[in-house]
Amino acid sequence: MNVGMKGLHPVSAFAFFAVVFCLTLFTWHPVFTLLSFFSAALIDVRNRKKRAVKTIFGFLLPLVMFVTVFNVLFAHYGVTVLFTLKSGNNITLESLVCGMVYGLRTACLLLWLFCFNETVDEDKFIYFFSRFTPRLALVVSMVLRFIPLFSGRAAEIEKARRAIGVDTKSGSLVNRLRTAVHNASILISWSLERALDTANSMTARGYGLKKRKSCVQYPFRTFDIALLLLSALSLVLTVVFRESVYAEYNPVIYIETMSARSIAVFAAFLILGVLPLVYDLTEEKRWSISN
């Protein structure tokens, strides 16, 4: 049984991730970006544990550094010159700070995508979108599901072919290419057959009919209502008080000073970001006590 974040109703889950995606993407204030990164990192570590830590320190933080350096070297806007390269290009404080914000926002979006992938499975995806676009929901869910199936089946084909003496890692280049093409042909044939079987099965079960009910029922709990209300509140506060969280980095760095309005926006977003994590930990504690 899914509890905590994985037990969220599809409507509240999609609303939550839609709000955090949009606010992270369209808000340039560095405090907002840091809060988004902090919240997403906590939830991702909670969901994927050691894999999340490796992703953050092995991929995302180096990505932030790469984007920062790339922006500094190739974007020469700004008026605060830190130093000048031998080529004559100026390294400015504005391009440095803007590159850091760019990189951190990119890392935030990737982290939220990891959290989304762990929270919203294919059943929730179909449950939410099948009421509006059933064909698109089925196609997207099949594509997402076939990505791991592709990898697993490709490995099986490779092992089976290697057992009979046919390997893509040995022999001449022509033989290896021929073997790789044959393996790909087997994989594509299996995938098409699997997709056809899935489509026929869904049609036989009445998928796409207006009066059809989902085989998976998600209870709409008090926490789902609270998450929806808090998502709406955070979105409204950010839109209404957007001037209080305004920031720009070209030609000069201008960040709106902290005020009661900006603190309210930051507080609402921080509570929204960490609330699913708190709920997840609370639910785990309840289950451990009851068992």
Protein backbone atom coordinates (compact mmCIF):
# COMPACT_ATOMS: atom_id res chain seq x y z
CA MET A 1 0.00 0.00 0.00
CA ASN A 2 1.31 3.44 -0.94
CA VAL A 3 1.46 5.85 1.97
CA GLY A 4 2.85 9.33 2.37
CA MET A 5 3.82 11.13 -0.82
CA LYS A 6 3.26 8.08 -2.99
CA GLY A 7 -0.30 7.91 -1.70
CA LEU A 8 -1.16 11.42 -2.85
CA HIS A 9 -4.28 11.85 -4.95
CA PRO A 10 -3.35 12.43 -8.61
CA VAL A 11 -5.09 15.84 -8.66
CA SER A 12 -3.18 17.18 -5.65
CA ALA A 13 0.09 15.61 -6.86
CA PHE A 14 -0.15 17.18 -10.31
CA ALA A 15 -1.21 20.54 -8.84
CA PHE A 16 1.72 20.52 -6.43
CA PHE A 17 4.35 19.72 -9.04
CA ALA A 18 2.82 22.12 -11.58
CA VAL A 19 3.08 24.98 -9.07
CA VAL A 20 6.65 24.24 -7.96
CA PHE A 21 7.75 23.79 -11.60
CA CYS A 22 6.22 27.08 -12.72
CA LEU A 23 7.39 29.12 -9.74
CA THR A 24 10.92 27.73 -10.00
CA LEU A 25 11.05 28.36 -13.72
CA PHE A 26 9.65 31.90 -13.81
CA THR A 27 11.07 33.37 -10.59
CA TRP A 28 14.61 34.74 -10.69
CA HIS A 29 15.10 35.74 -7.08
CA PRO A 30 18.13 33.82 -5.67
CA VAL A 31 16.39 33.17 -2.32
CA PHE A 32 13.48 31.59 -4.16
CA THR A 33 15.84 29.43 -6.18
CA LEU A 34 17.74 28.30 -3.08
CA LEU A 35 14.50 27.40 -1.29
CA SER A 36 13.37 25.40 -4.30
CA PHE A 37 16.68 23.53 -4.46
CA PHE A 38 16.60 22.87 -0.71
CA SER A 39 13.04 21.50 -0.79
CA ALA A 40 13.56 19.37 -3.88
CA ALA A 41 16.85 17.97 -2.55
CA LEU A 42 15.24 16.93 0.76
CA ILE A 43 12.35 15.19 -0.98
CA ASP A 44 14.62 13.48 -3.51
CA VAL A 45 16.97 12.23 -0.78
CA ARG A 46 13.93 10.94 1.07
CA ASN A 47 12.70 9.09 -2.01
CA ARG A 48 15.92 7.78 -3.56
CA LYS A 49 18.33 7.98 -0.60
CA LYS A 50 21.93 7.19 -1.68
CA ARG A 51 21.11 7.47 -5.37
CA ALA A 52 19.85 11.01 -4.80
CA VAL A 53 23.00 11.98 -2.91
CA LYS A 54 25.15 10.64 -5.76
CA THR A 55 23.03 12.53 -8.28
CA ILE A 56 23.27 15.81 -6.38
CA PHE A 57 27.01 15.74 -5.71
CA GLY A 58 28.07 13.76 -8.77
CA PHE A 59 25.95 15.42 -11.44
CA LEU A 60 23.83 18.41 -10.39
CA LEU A 61 26.43 20.46 -8.51
CA PRO A 62 29.03 19.93 -11.28
CA LEU A 63 26.28 20.96 -13.72
CA VAL A 64 25.79 24.19 -11.78
CA MET A 65 29.52 24.88 -11.95
CA PHE A 66 29.62 24.10 -15.68
CA VAL A 67 26.71 26.43 -16.47
CA THR A 68 28.30 29.16 -14.34
CA VAL A 69 31.68 28.89 -16.08
CA PHE A 70 30.05 28.66 -19.52
CA ASN A 71 27.99 31.77 -18.88
CA VAL A 72 31.00 33.69 -17.56
CA LEU A 73 33.16 32.80 -20.56
CA PHE A 74 30.60 33.39 -23.32
CA ALA A 75 28.22 36.01 -21.89
CA HIS A 76 29.96 39.35 -21.45
CA TYR A 77 27.11 41.56 -20.28
CA GLY A 78 27.34 43.55 -17.07
CA VAL A 79 29.24 46.61 -15.91
CA THR A 80 31.14 45.28 -12.88
CA VAL A 81 34.35 43.94 -14.40
CA LEU A 82 36.19 41.47 -12.16
CA PHE A 83 39.13 40.95 -14.51
CA THR A 84 39.97 40.83 -18.20
CA LEU A 85 41.21 37.78 -20.08
CA LYS A 86 44.19 37.91 -22.46
CA SER A 87 41.73 37.68 -25.33
CA GLY A 88 40.22 40.98 -24.21
CA ASN A 89 36.94 39.57 -22.92
CA ASN A 90 35.73 40.98 -19.63
CA ILE A 91 34.65 38.69 -16.81
CA THR A 92 31.83 40.51 -15.04
CA LEU A 93 30.13 39.96 -11.71
CA GLU A 94 26.71 40.07 -13.39
CA SER A 95 27.50 37.17 -15.74
CA LEU A 96 28.96 35.18 -12.83
CA VAL A 97 25.92 35.58 -10.57
CA CYS A 98 23.47 35.07 -13.43
CA GLY A 99 25.28 31.88 -14.45
CA MET A 100 25.03 30.54 -10.91
CA VAL A 101 21.29 31.28 -10.83
CA TYR A 102 20.85 29.68 -14.27
CA GLY A 103 22.68 26.55 -13.18
CA LEU A 104 20.87 26.29 -9.86
CA ARG A 105 17.46 26.70 -11.51
CA THR A 106 18.35 23.93 -13.97
CA ALA A 107 19.38 21.68 -11.07
CA CYS A 108 16.11 22.52 -9.27
CA LEU A 109 14.00 21.53 -12.27
CA LEU A 110 15.87 18.24 -12.63
CA LEU A 111 15.44 17.49 -8.93
CA TRP A 112 11.71 18.20 -9.10
CA LEU A 113 11.49 15.90 -12.12
CA PHE A 114 13.14 13.13 -10.08
CA CYS A 115 10.62 13.75 -7.30
CA PHE A 116 7.77 13.73 -9.81
CA ASN A 117 8.94 10.43 -11.26
CA GLU A 118 9.02 8.83 -7.80
CA THR A 119 5.62 10.19 -6.75
CA VAL A 120 3.48 10.00 -9.90
CA ASP A 121 3.41 6.54 -11.43
CA GLU A 122 1.69 5.45 -14.66
CA ASP A 123 -1.57 4.64 -12.85
CA LYS A 124 -1.84 8.18 -11.53
CA PHE A 125 -0.92 9.57 -14.92
CA ILE A 126 -3.68 7.59 -16.64
CA TYR A 127 -6.13 8.37 -13.84
CA PHE A 128 -5.58 12.11 -14.24
CA PHE A 129 -5.34 12.50 -18.03
CA SER A 130 -7.66 9.71 -19.21
CA ARG A 131 -10.66 11.90 -18.42
CA PHE A 132 -9.48 14.59 -20.85
CA THR A 133 -7.23 12.94 -23.42
CA PRO A 134 -7.40 9.15 -22.99
CA ARG A 135 -5.39 8.33 -26.12
CA LEU A 136 -2.58 10.72 -25.28
CA ALA A 137 -2.50 9.47 -21.68
CA LEU A 138 -2.23 5.88 -22.87
CA VAL A 139 0.54 6.66 -25.38
CA VAL A 140 2.60 8.69 -22.89
CA SER A 141 2.23 6.10 -20.13
CA MET A 142 3.25 3.32 -22.53
CA VAL A 143 6.29 5.32 -23.65
CA LEU A 144 7.37 5.99 -20.08
CA ARG A 145 6.83 2.37 -19.16
CA PHE A 146 8.70 1.06 -22.17
CA ILE A 147 11.87 3.01 -21.36
CA PRO A 148 12.89 0.68 -18.48
CA LEU A 149 11.40 -2.31 -20.32
CA PHE A 150 13.54 -1.46 -23.36
CA SER A 151 16.70 -1.43 -21.27
CA GLY A 152 15.87 -4.72 -19.53
CA ARG A 153 14.84 -6.53 -22.68
CA ALA A 154 17.89 -5.25 -24.59
CA ALA A 155 20.12 -6.71 -21.87
CA GLU A 156 18.25 -10.04 -22.05
CA ILE A 157 18.65 -10.20 -25.82
CA GLU A 158 22.35 -9.38 -25.53
CA LYS A 159 22.91 -12.14 -22.95
CA ALA A 160 20.91 -14.71 -24.93
CA ARG A 161 22.77 -13.97 -28.14
CA ARG A 162 26.10 -14.04 -26.33
CA ALA A 163 25.26 -17.51 -24.98
CA ILE A 164 25.03 -18.88 -28.54
CA GLY A 165 28.33 -17.26 -29.52
CA VAL A 166 27.05 -14.05 -31.08
CA ASP A 167 28.39 -10.94 -29.37
CA THR A 168 28.53 -7.23 -30.22
CA LYS A 169 31.81 -6.81 -28.32
CA SER A 170 33.94 -9.32 -30.19
CA GLY A 171 34.77 -10.14 -33.79
CA SER A 172 35.24 -7.87 -36.75
CA LEU A 173 33.54 -4.51 -37.06
CA VAL A 174 31.20 -5.76 -39.77
CA ASN A 175 30.09 -8.75 -37.69
CA ARG A 176 29.54 -6.57 -34.63
CA LEU A 177 27.43 -4.14 -36.64
CA ARG A 178 25.45 -7.01 -38.14
CA THR A 179 24.83 -8.45 -34.67
CA ALA A 180 23.79 -5.06 -33.28
CA VAL A 181 21.31 -4.54 -36.14
CA HIS A 182 19.88 -8.04 -35.56
CA ASN A 183 19.50 -7.36 -31.83
CA ALA A 184 17.78 -4.05 -32.56
CA SER A 185 15.41 -5.78 -34.96
CA ILE A 186 14.46 -8.32 -32.29
CA LEU A 187 13.94 -5.56 -29.74
CA ILE A 188 11.75 -3.47 -32.05
CA SER A 189 9.63 -6.49 -33.04
CA TRP A 190 9.08 -7.41 -29.41
CA SER A 191 8.21 -3.80 -28.51
CA LEU A 192 5.65 -3.43 -31.29
CA GLU A 193 4.04 -6.72 -30.34
CA ARG A 194 3.94 -5.68 -26.67
CA ALA A 195 2.41 -2.31 -27.56
CA LEU A 196 -0.27 -3.98 -29.68
CA ASP A 197 -1.13 -6.41 -26.89
CA THR A 198 -1.38 -3.53 -24.40
CA ALA A 199 -3.64 -1.50 -26.70
CA ASN A 200 -5.94 -4.47 -27.34
CA SER A 201 -6.08 -5.22 -23.62
CA MET A 202 -7.00 -1.63 -22.75
CA THR A 203 -9.67 -1.56 -25.46
CA ALA A 204 -11.18 -4.83 -24.19
CA ARG A 205 -11.41 -3.32 -20.70
CA GLY A 206 -13.34 -0.31 -21.93
CA TYR A 207 -10.54 2.23 -21.75
CA GLY A 208 -11.58 5.59 -23.17
CA LEU A 209 -15.32 5.17 -22.58
CA LYS A 210 -16.97 8.15 -20.91
CA LYS A 211 -18.66 6.12 -18.18
CA ARG A 212 -15.62 3.98 -17.46
CA LYS A 213 -14.23 4.14 -13.93
CA SER A 214 -10.60 3.73 -13.03
CA CYS A 215 -9.60 0.36 -11.63
CA VAL A 216 -7.40 2.17 -9.11
CA GLN A 217 -9.24 4.38 -6.66
CA TYR A 218 -7.41 7.15 -4.82
CA PRO A 219 -9.05 8.55 -1.68
CA PHE A 220 -9.16 12.33 -1.49
CA ARG A 221 -7.90 12.95 2.03
CA THR A 222 -7.58 16.01 4.22
CA PHE A 223 -3.92 16.38 3.33
CA ASP A 224 -4.76 16.47 -0.38
CA ILE A 225 -7.11 19.38 0.26
CA ALA A 226 -4.47 21.16 2.37
CA LEU A 227 -1.84 20.64 -0.34
CA LEU A 228 -4.17 22.02 -3.02
CA LEU A 229 -5.01 25.09 -0.94
CA LEU A 230 -1.37 25.74 -0.09
CA SER A 231 -0.35 25.33 -3.74
CA ALA A 232 -2.99 27.86 -4.77
CA LEU A 233 -1.95 30.23 -1.97
CA SER A 234 1.73 30.09 -2.92
CA LEU A 235 0.92 30.68 -6.58
CA VAL A 236 -1.41 33.62 -5.85
CA LEU A 237 1.04 35.26 -3.42
CA THR A 238 3.89 34.97 -5.92
CA VAL A 239 1.82 36.45 -8.74
CA VAL A 240 0.29 39.25 -6.67
CA PHE A 241 3.57 40.20 -4.94
CA ARG A 242 5.82 39.47 -7.90
CA GLU A 243 7.39 42.93 -7.66
CA SER A 244 8.57 42.06 -4.13
CA VAL A 245 10.55 39.06 -5.40
CA TYR A 246 11.87 40.73 -8.53
CA ALA A 247 15.49 40.29 -9.60
CA GLU A 248 17.54 41.04 -12.72
CA TYR A 249 21.20 40.61 -13.61
CA ASN A 250 21.70 42.69 -16.74
CA PRO A 251 23.19 45.26 -17.06
CA VAL A 252 23.52 45.46 -13.27
CA ILE A 253 22.47 43.16 -10.46
CA TYR A 254 19.24 44.34 -8.91
CA ILE A 255 17.53 42.23 -6.26
CA GLU A 256 14.47 43.58 -4.50
CA THR A 257 15.12 44.10 -0.80
CA MET A 258 13.41 41.87 1.73
CA SER A 259 10.00 43.03 2.91
CA ALA A 260 6.95 41.60 4.61
CA ARG A 261 5.49 40.69 1.22
CA SER A 262 8.60 38.89 0.00
CA ILE A 263 8.94 37.05 3.31
CA ALA A 264 5.31 35.92 2.98
CA VAL A 265 6.02 34.62 -0.55
CA PHE A 266 9.17 32.79 0.55
CA ALA A 267 7.50 31.32 3.64
CA ALA A 268 4.51 30.04 1.66
CA PHE A 269 6.76 28.43 -0.93
CA LEU A 270 9.04 26.87 1.69
CA ILE A 271 6.09 25.40 3.59
CA LEU A 272 4.66 24.10 0.32
CA GLY A 273 7.99 22.52 -0.62
CA VAL A 274 8.64 20.71 2.66
CA LEU A 275 5.02 19.85 3.53
CA PRO A 276 4.97 16.59 1.49
CA LEU A 277 8.18 15.52 3.19
CA VAL A 278 6.77 16.23 6.67
CA TYR A 279 3.61 14.34 5.76
CA ASP A 280 5.64 11.43 4.44
CA LEU A 281 7.68 11.18 7.63
CA THR A 282 4.52 11.45 9.76
CA GLU A 283 2.80 8.68 7.84
CA GLU A 284 5.85 6.44 8.14
CA LYS A 285 5.91 7.03 11.89
CA ARG A 286 2.23 6.11 12.18
CA TRP A 287 2.70 2.90 10.22
CA SER A 288 5.73 1.90 12.26
CA ILE A 289 3.80 2.44 15.50
CA SER A 290 0.72 0.56 14.27
CA ASN A 291 2.80 -2.40 13.14
